[in-house]
Amino acid sequence: MLELSGEYKGLVIMLIFILIPVLFLKTINKYLKAVIYVYFTVVTVVFIQGREKIHDKYYDVPVPDLYWDKNSKWVGDVSYYYFIPVAILFSYIFYKWFQSTKSPLSKVVWTITFIIVICLFFIFTFIFNFGYGYRP
């Protein structure tokens, strides 16, 4: 059975930041929302199980380089499964919102918001890769 340790609290927080906005979107129907939630749940379970499997197989004191190599590669690979769909999803959302606004001021506000979201996207990507795939 999959058991979540405190090590994955950051992952849960990241998923909350990704999935809560999806819940309140009116531009995405409920079936697509369900697909998005199932997708991220499956990716999360696979990520945690794979990472724990690497830990069980390679982790020893002192920690061998092979452990760090496998772990870093696994985290790097899985980060694509998290962040490429997020980039596509949020680009679609902002495109729809930008398209629906009429006033120039609203377009400026949405553009600034989009830039902030892009910065947050890169911050989350960095934190995920650094936090779970760091090799000392």
C-alpha atoms as a PDB file:
ATOM      1  CA  MET A   1       0.000   0.000   0.000  1.00  0.00           C
ATOM      2  CA  LEU A   2       1.222   3.479  -0.843  1.00  0.00           C
ATOM      3  CA  GLU A   3       2.126   5.373   2.291  1.00  0.00           C
ATOM      4  CA  LEU A   4       2.773   9.112   2.116  1.00  0.00           C
ATOM      5  CA  SER A   5       5.609  10.375   4.244  1.00  0.00           C
ATOM      6  CA  GLY A   6       6.282  13.982   5.148  1.00  0.00           C
ATOM      7  CA  GLU A   7       8.754  13.996   2.293  1.00  0.00           C
ATOM      8  CA  TYR A   8       5.888  14.388  -0.180  1.00  0.00           C
ATOM      9  CA  LYS A   9       4.106  17.334   1.445  1.00  0.00           C
ATOM     10  CA  GLY A  10       5.644  19.674  -1.122  1.00  0.00           C
ATOM     11  CA  LEU A  11       4.260  17.508  -3.904  1.00  0.00           C
ATOM     12  CA  VAL A  12       0.782  17.677  -2.383  1.00  0.00           C
ATOM     13  CA  ILE A  13       1.007  21.474  -2.110  1.00  0.00           C
ATOM     14  CA  MET A  14       2.125  21.701  -5.736  1.00  0.00           C
ATOM     15  CA  LEU A  15      -0.816  19.537  -6.830  1.00  0.00           C
ATOM     16  CA  ILE A  16      -3.211  21.749  -4.876  1.00  0.00           C
ATOM     17  CA  PHE A  17      -1.889  24.805  -6.757  1.00  0.00           C
ATOM     18  CA  ILE A  18      -2.393  22.941 -10.036  1.00  0.00           C
ATOM     19  CA  LEU A  19      -5.733  21.263  -9.435  1.00  0.00           C
ATOM     20  CA  ILE A  20      -7.755  23.774  -7.381  1.00  0.00           C
ATOM     21  CA  PRO A  21      -7.964  26.307 -10.243  1.00  0.00           C
ATOM     22  CA  VAL A  22      -9.113  23.515 -12.564  1.00  0.00           C
ATOM     23  CA  LEU A  23     -11.993  22.769 -10.196  1.00  0.00           C
ATOM     24  CA  PHE A  24     -13.457  26.267 -10.571  1.00  0.00           C
ATOM     25  CA  LEU A  25     -12.996  26.696 -14.320  1.00  0.00           C
ATOM     26  CA  LYS A  26     -16.122  27.077 -16.386  1.00  0.00           C
ATOM     27  CA  THR A  27     -14.275  26.748 -19.696  1.00  0.00           C
ATOM     28  CA  ILE A  28     -13.514  23.066 -19.049  1.00  0.00           C
ATOM     29  CA  ASN A  29     -16.347  20.548 -18.872  1.00  0.00           C
ATOM     30  CA  LYS A  30     -16.660  18.123 -15.963  1.00  0.00           C
ATOM     31  CA  TYR A  31     -15.452  15.103 -17.952  1.00  0.00           C
ATOM     32  CA  LEU A  32     -12.222  16.814 -18.935  1.00  0.00           C
ATOM     33  CA  LYS A  33     -11.772  17.917 -15.322  1.00  0.00           C
ATOM     34  CA  ALA A  34     -12.150  14.283 -14.254  1.00  0.00           C
ATOM     35  CA  VAL A  35      -9.547  13.224 -16.826  1.00  0.00           C
ATOM     36  CA  ILE A  36      -7.155  15.904 -15.537  1.00  0.00           C
ATOM     37  CA  TYR A  37      -7.607  14.768 -11.928  1.00  0.00           C
ATOM     38  CA  VAL A  38      -7.170  11.097 -12.808  1.00  0.00           C
ATOM     39  CA  TYR A  39      -4.083  11.885 -14.905  1.00  0.00           C
ATOM     40  CA  PHE A  40      -2.339  13.780 -12.114  1.00  0.00           C
ATOM     41  CA  THR A  41      -3.338  11.156  -9.554  1.00  0.00           C
ATOM     42  CA  VAL A  42      -1.850   8.370 -11.676  1.00  0.00           C
ATOM     43  CA  VAL A  43       1.342  10.341 -12.377  1.00  0.00           C
ATOM     44  CA  THR A  44       1.699  11.085  -8.659  1.00  0.00           C
ATOM     45  CA  VAL A  45       1.226   7.453  -7.618  1.00  0.00           C
ATOM     46  CA  VAL A  46       3.670   6.236 -10.286  1.00  0.00           C
ATOM     47  CA  PHE A  47       6.193   8.916  -9.273  1.00  0.00           C
ATOM     48  CA  ILE A  48       6.061   8.056  -5.584  1.00  0.00           C
ATOM     49  CA  GLN A  49       6.195   4.308  -6.160  1.00  0.00           C
ATOM     50  CA  GLY A  50       9.104   4.655  -8.596  1.00  0.00           C
ATOM     51  CA  ARG A  51      11.011   6.912  -6.261  1.00  0.00           C
ATOM     52  CA  GLU A  52      10.465   4.604  -3.304  1.00  0.00           C
ATOM     53  CA  LYS A  53      11.536   1.617  -5.404  1.00  0.00           C
ATOM     54  CA  ILE A  54      14.777   3.420  -6.317  1.00  0.00           C
ATOM     55  CA  HIS A  55      15.276   4.279  -2.650  1.00  0.00           C
ATOM     56  CA  ASP A  56      14.754   0.683  -1.529  1.00  0.00           C
ATOM     57  CA  LYS A  57      17.020  -0.745  -4.215  1.00  0.00           C
ATOM     58  CA  TYR A  58      19.946   1.686  -4.203  1.00  0.00           C
ATOM     59  CA  TYR A  59      19.925   3.660  -0.948  1.00  0.00           C
ATOM     60  CA  ASP A  60      22.587   2.639   1.552  1.00  0.00           C
ATOM     61  CA  VAL A  61      24.961   4.465   3.861  1.00  0.00           C
ATOM     62  CA  PRO A  62      27.065   5.978   2.430  1.00  0.00           C
ATOM     63  CA  VAL A  63      24.692   6.862  -0.381  1.00  0.00           C
ATOM     64  CA  PRO A  64      26.135   5.552  -3.657  1.00  0.00           C
ATOM     65  CA  ASP A  65      26.401   7.654  -6.781  1.00  0.00           C
ATOM     66  CA  LEU A  66      24.167   5.159  -8.566  1.00  0.00           C
ATOM     67  CA  TYR A  67      21.287   6.104  -6.249  1.00  0.00           C
ATOM     68  CA  TRP A  68      21.674   9.796  -7.047  1.00  0.00           C
ATOM     69  CA  ASP A  69      21.948   9.083 -10.768  1.00  0.00           C
ATOM     70  CA  LYS A  70      18.792   6.935 -10.843  1.00  0.00           C
ATOM     71  CA  ASN A  71      16.828   9.276  -8.580  1.00  0.00           C
ATOM     72  CA  SER A  72      17.783  12.431 -10.488  1.00  0.00           C
ATOM     73  CA  LYS A  73      16.928  10.834 -13.823  1.00  0.00           C
ATOM     74  CA  TRP A  74      13.585   9.560 -12.504  1.00  0.00           C
ATOM     75  CA  VAL A  75      12.603  12.969 -11.132  1.00  0.00           C
ATOM     76  CA  GLY A  76      13.699  14.703 -14.327  1.00  0.00           C
ATOM     77  CA  ASP A  77      11.679  12.330 -16.476  1.00  0.00           C
ATOM     78  CA  VAL A  78       8.544  12.528 -14.321  1.00  0.00           C
ATOM     79  CA  SER A  79       8.732  16.315 -14.158  1.00  0.00           C
ATOM     80  CA  TYR A  80       7.906  16.361 -17.877  1.00  0.00           C
ATOM     81  CA  TYR A  81       4.716  14.403 -17.151  1.00  0.00           C
ATOM     82  CA  TYR A  82       3.747  17.003 -14.566  1.00  0.00           C
ATOM     83  CA  PHE A  83       4.785  20.265 -16.098  1.00  0.00           C
ATOM     84  CA  ILE A  84       4.221  19.936 -19.848  1.00  0.00           C
ATOM     85  CA  PRO A  85       0.493  19.193 -19.353  1.00  0.00           C
ATOM     86  CA  VAL A  86       0.305  22.022 -16.808  1.00  0.00           C
ATOM     87  CA  ALA A  87       1.874  24.436 -19.299  1.00  0.00           C
ATOM     88  CA  ILE A  88      -0.575  23.369 -22.003  1.00  0.00           C
ATOM     89  CA  LEU A  89      -3.550  23.544 -19.631  1.00  0.00           C
ATOM     90  CA  PHE A  90      -2.750  26.974 -18.246  1.00  0.00           C
ATOM     91  CA  SER A  91      -1.895  28.341 -21.697  1.00  0.00           C
ATOM     92  CA  TYR A  92      -5.307  27.194 -22.919  1.00  0.00           C
ATOM     93  CA  ILE A  93      -7.037  28.731 -19.886  1.00  0.00           C
ATOM     94  CA  PHE A  94      -5.305  32.070 -20.281  1.00  0.00           C
ATOM     95  CA  TYR A  95      -5.915  32.088 -24.018  1.00  0.00           C
ATOM     96  CA  LYS A  96      -9.653  31.591 -23.438  1.00  0.00           C
ATOM     97  CA  TRP A  97      -9.778  34.261 -20.746  1.00  0.00           C
ATOM     98  CA  PHE A  98      -7.722  36.710 -22.805  1.00  0.00           C
ATOM     99  CA  GLN A  99      -9.938  36.102 -25.809  1.00  0.00           C
ATOM    100  CA  SER A 100     -13.108  36.738 -23.789  1.00  0.00           C
ATOM    101  CA  THR A 101     -12.002  40.115 -22.428  1.00  0.00           C
ATOM    102  CA  LYS A 102     -12.912  43.198 -24.391  1.00  0.00           C
ATOM    103  CA  SER A 103     -11.272  46.167 -22.714  1.00  0.00           C
ATOM    104  CA  PRO A 104      -7.577  46.956 -23.198  1.00  0.00           C
ATOM    105  CA  LEU A 105      -7.104  47.305 -19.439  1.00  0.00           C
ATOM    106  CA  SER A 106      -8.436  43.771 -18.893  1.00  0.00           C
ATOM    107  CA  LYS A 107      -6.044  42.451 -21.523  1.00  0.00           C
ATOM    108  CA  VAL A 108      -3.124  44.148 -19.741  1.00  0.00           C
ATOM    109  CA  VAL A 109      -4.227  42.668 -16.406  1.00  0.00           C
ATOM    110  CA  TRP A 110      -4.518  39.177 -17.932  1.00  0.00           C
ATOM    111  CA  THR A 111      -1.110  39.546 -19.576  1.00  0.00           C
ATOM    112  CA  ILE A 112       0.492  40.530 -16.260  1.00  0.00           C
ATOM    113  CA  THR A 113      -1.287  37.649 -14.538  1.00  0.00           C
ATOM    114  CA  PHE A 114      -0.059  35.264 -17.222  1.00  0.00           C
ATOM    115  CA  ILE A 115       3.525  36.454 -16.708  1.00  0.00           C
ATOM    116  CA  ILE A 116       3.176  35.861 -12.961  1.00  0.00           C
ATOM    117  CA  VAL A 117       1.820  32.364 -13.597  1.00  0.00           C
ATOM    118  CA  ILE A 118       4.738  31.621 -15.942  1.00  0.00           C
ATOM    119  CA  CYS A 119       7.162  32.683 -13.194  1.00  0.00           C
ATOM    120  CA  LEU A 120       5.341  30.457 -10.683  1.00  0.00           C
ATOM    121  CA  PHE A 121       5.479  27.626 -13.203  1.00  0.00           C
ATOM    122  CA  PHE A 122       9.260  27.879 -13.451  1.00  0.00           C
ATOM    123  CA  ILE A 123       9.583  28.197  -9.675  1.00  0.00           C
ATOM    124  CA  PHE A 124       7.505  25.043  -9.121  1.00  0.00           C
ATOM    125  CA  THR A 125       9.494  23.193 -11.779  1.00  0.00           C
ATOM    126  CA  PHE A 126      12.760  24.206 -10.121  1.00  0.00           C
ATOM    127  CA  ILE A 127      11.526  23.321  -6.620  1.00  0.00           C
ATOM    128  CA  PHE A 128      10.243  19.940  -7.794  1.00  0.00           C
ATOM    129  CA  ASN A 129      13.475  19.008  -9.556  1.00  0.00           C
ATOM    130  CA  PHE A 130      15.675  20.417  -6.811  1.00  0.00           C
ATOM    131  CA  GLY A 131      13.628  18.997  -3.948  1.00  0.00           C
ATOM    132  CA  TYR A 132      13.193  15.486  -5.262  1.00  0.00           C
ATOM    133  CA  GLY A 133      16.026  15.048  -7.745  1.00  0.00           C
ATOM    134  CA  TYR A 134      18.892  16.949  -6.163  1.00  0.00           C
ATOM    135  CA  ARG A 135      22.262  15.302  -6.312  1.00  0.00           C
ATOM    136  CA  PRO A 136      24.819  16.625  -3.827  1.00  0.00           C
END
